């Protein structure tokens, strides 16, 4: 069986073959098949490890949509404030960053009090920034645990 080791300088397209080590030994698939078989691994290789270079339109764009279906929690974490949400006052879906930046109080109420934390992942740093803004603007709307979080940070 032929193997196709990762070539660091190559830009991969969906029809290119790649051999990766798996639980049962090396496996070879086209990049397009890897997107279906293990999208999280491929995403990590591209974004975090930066060991795999792919064509943005042919490989990366479809990968993101496959991540959403394959591992929603991972997708939610990597998307963060870029997640599209239905937010009151907007006629269509909007990036979470827009209400987060423009109206932190409304975003806080929607996200924390509206029990929408499962829809948008905020890292501890982004949570702290949000809580800090809301505490300065309108502390009465905050939950006690969030006020304590800001005080004890």
Protein backbone atom coordinates (compact mmCIF):
# COMPACT_ATOMS: atom_id res chain seq x y z
CA UNK A 1 0.00 0.00 0.00
CA UNK A 2 1.34 3.42 -0.92
CA UNK A 3 1.66 6.02 1.80
CA UNK A 4 1.32 9.75 1.38
CA UNK A 5 3.06 11.48 4.28
CA UNK A 6 2.27 15.07 5.13
CA UNK A 7 4.28 17.56 3.09
CA UNK A 8 4.68 20.78 5.06
CA UNK A 9 5.09 23.05 2.02
CA UNK A 10 2.25 21.58 -0.03
CA UNK A 11 -1.20 23.15 -0.27
CA UNK A 12 -3.71 20.31 -0.22
CA UNK A 13 -6.90 20.12 -2.26
CA UNK A 14 -9.83 17.78 -1.65
CA UNK A 15 -8.60 15.11 -4.09
CA UNK A 16 -5.04 14.92 -2.66
CA UNK A 17 -4.15 11.79 -0.74
CA UNK A 18 -2.83 11.94 2.83
CA UNK A 19 -1.71 9.18 5.18
CA UNK A 20 -2.19 9.74 8.91
CA UNK A 21 -1.48 7.53 11.89
CA UNK A 22 -4.68 6.18 13.40
CA UNK A 23 -5.59 3.70 16.13
CA UNK A 24 -5.30 0.77 13.71
CA UNK A 25 -2.12 2.02 12.07
CA UNK A 26 -1.59 4.33 9.09
CA UNK A 27 -4.66 5.14 6.99
CA UNK A 28 -4.76 6.89 3.62
CA UNK A 29 -7.68 8.93 2.35
CA UNK A 30 -8.30 11.88 0.09
CA UNK A 31 -8.42 15.15 2.02
CA UNK A 32 -12.14 15.40 1.22
CA UNK A 33 -12.66 12.02 2.87
CA UNK A 34 -10.62 13.04 5.92
CA UNK A 35 -13.03 15.95 6.34
CA UNK A 36 -15.83 13.45 6.80
CA UNK A 37 -13.85 10.90 8.78
CA UNK A 38 -12.11 13.18 11.30
CA UNK A 39 -12.91 16.88 10.81
CA UNK A 40 -11.72 17.91 14.29
CA UNK A 41 -8.28 16.38 13.72
CA UNK A 42 -7.95 18.04 10.33
CA UNK A 43 -9.04 21.41 11.77
CA UNK A 44 -6.47 21.14 14.57
CA UNK A 45 -3.75 20.28 12.05
CA UNK A 46 -4.63 23.39 10.02
CA UNK A 47 -5.36 25.95 12.73
CA UNK A 48 -3.61 24.92 15.94
CA UNK A 49 -0.64 22.83 14.86
CA UNK A 50 -0.23 24.63 11.51
CA UNK A 51 1.15 21.44 9.98
CA UNK A 52 -1.39 21.14 7.16
CA UNK A 53 -1.98 23.77 4.50
CA UNK A 54 -5.19 23.53 2.53
CA UNK A 55 -7.02 25.48 -0.14
CA UNK A 56 -9.36 27.88 1.65
CA UNK A 57 -12.32 27.55 -0.71
CA UNK A 58 -12.14 23.90 -1.63
CA UNK A 59 -11.16 22.43 1.74
CA UNK A 60 -11.37 24.86 4.65
CA UNK A 61 -14.84 26.29 3.97
CA UNK A 62 -16.49 22.84 3.76
CA UNK A 63 -14.51 21.72 6.83
CA UNK A 64 -16.12 24.38 9.01
CA UNK A 65 -19.62 23.26 8.05
CA UNK A 66 -18.70 19.63 8.70
CA UNK A 67 -17.36 20.54 12.15
CA UNK A 68 -20.71 22.01 13.09
CA UNK A 69 -22.40 18.66 12.45
CA UNK A 70 -19.60 16.36 13.62
CA UNK A 71 -18.75 17.99 16.96
CA UNK A 72 -20.97 20.94 17.83
CA UNK A 73 -19.23 21.64 21.15
CA UNK A 74 -15.84 21.91 19.45
CA UNK A 75 -17.38 24.08 16.71
CA UNK A 76 -18.98 26.35 19.32
CA UNK A 77 -15.68 26.78 21.17
CA UNK A 78 -13.65 27.63 18.06
CA UNK A 79 -16.34 29.98 16.74
CA UNK A 80 -16.80 31.96 19.97
CA UNK A 81 -18.12 35.46 19.32
CA UNK A 82 -18.23 34.78 15.56
CA UNK A 83 -21.18 32.45 16.17
CA UNK A 84 -24.31 33.55 14.33
CA UNK A 85 -27.22 34.03 16.73
CA UNK A 86 -30.82 35.19 16.73
CA UNK A 87 -30.60 38.25 18.94
CA UNK A 88 -33.55 40.46 19.89
CA UNK A 89 -33.67 43.65 17.86
CA UNK A 90 -32.00 42.22 14.75
CA UNK A 91 -34.03 41.09 11.75
CA UNK A 92 -31.69 38.20 10.92
CA UNK A 93 -28.88 36.23 12.49
CA UNK A 94 -25.95 38.34 13.62
CA UNK A 95 -22.46 37.58 14.89
CA UNK A 96 -22.53 37.43 18.68
CA UNK A 97 -19.66 39.94 18.72
CA UNK A 98 -21.98 42.74 17.55
CA UNK A 99 -24.34 42.81 20.56
CA UNK A 100 -21.43 41.83 22.85
CA UNK A 101 -19.55 44.98 21.77
CA UNK A 102 -22.40 47.42 21.17
CA UNK A 103 -24.83 46.55 23.98
CA UNK A 104 -23.09 44.52 26.69
CA UNK A 105 -26.04 44.79 29.09
CA UNK A 106 -28.52 43.36 26.60
CA UNK A 107 -26.00 40.68 25.62
CA UNK A 108 -25.42 39.78 29.27
CA UNK A 109 -29.15 39.49 29.91
CA UNK A 110 -29.62 37.35 26.80
CA UNK A 111 -26.54 35.18 27.35
CA UNK A 112 -26.51 34.65 31.12
CA UNK A 113 -30.01 35.39 32.36
CA UNK A 114 -31.71 34.19 29.18
CA UNK A 115 -29.95 30.85 29.55
CA UNK A 116 -28.25 31.08 26.15
CA UNK A 117 -24.77 30.19 27.38
CA UNK A 118 -24.95 26.99 25.32
CA UNK A 119 -25.30 29.05 22.13
CA UNK A 120 -22.15 31.17 22.41
CA UNK A 121 -18.88 30.12 24.02
CA UNK A 122 -17.13 32.92 25.90
CA UNK A 123 -13.62 32.23 27.12
CA UNK A 124 -12.92 33.24 30.74
CA UNK A 125 -11.23 36.40 29.44
CA UNK A 126 -14.28 37.41 27.37
CA UNK A 127 -16.58 36.59 30.29
CA UNK A 128 -14.49 38.81 32.56
CA UNK A 129 -14.58 41.68 30.05
CA UNK A 130 -18.34 41.36 29.70
CA UNK A 131 -18.94 41.16 33.45
CA UNK A 132 -16.61 44.10 34.04
CA UNK A 133 -18.44 46.28 31.48
CA UNK A 134 -21.86 45.38 32.87
CA UNK A 135 -20.69 45.93 36.46
CA UNK A 136 -19.60 49.46 35.55
CA UNK A 137 -22.72 50.28 33.53
CA UNK A 138 -25.55 48.57 35.40
CA UNK A 139 -24.47 46.25 38.24
CA UNK A 140 -28.05 45.63 39.39
CA UNK A 141 -28.72 43.33 36.42
CA UNK A 142 -25.82 41.00 37.31
CA UNK A 143 -26.04 37.69 39.09
CA UNK A 144 -24.22 37.58 42.43
CA UNK A 145 -21.83 34.89 41.21
CA UNK A 146 -20.76 37.14 38.33
CA UNK A 147 -20.19 40.14 40.59
CA UNK A 148 -18.05 37.93 42.83
CA UNK A 149 -16.15 36.66 39.78
CA UNK A 150 -15.17 40.22 38.83
CA UNK A 151 -14.24 41.11 42.41
CA UNK A 152 -12.09 38.00 42.91
CA UNK A 153 -10.35 38.04 39.54
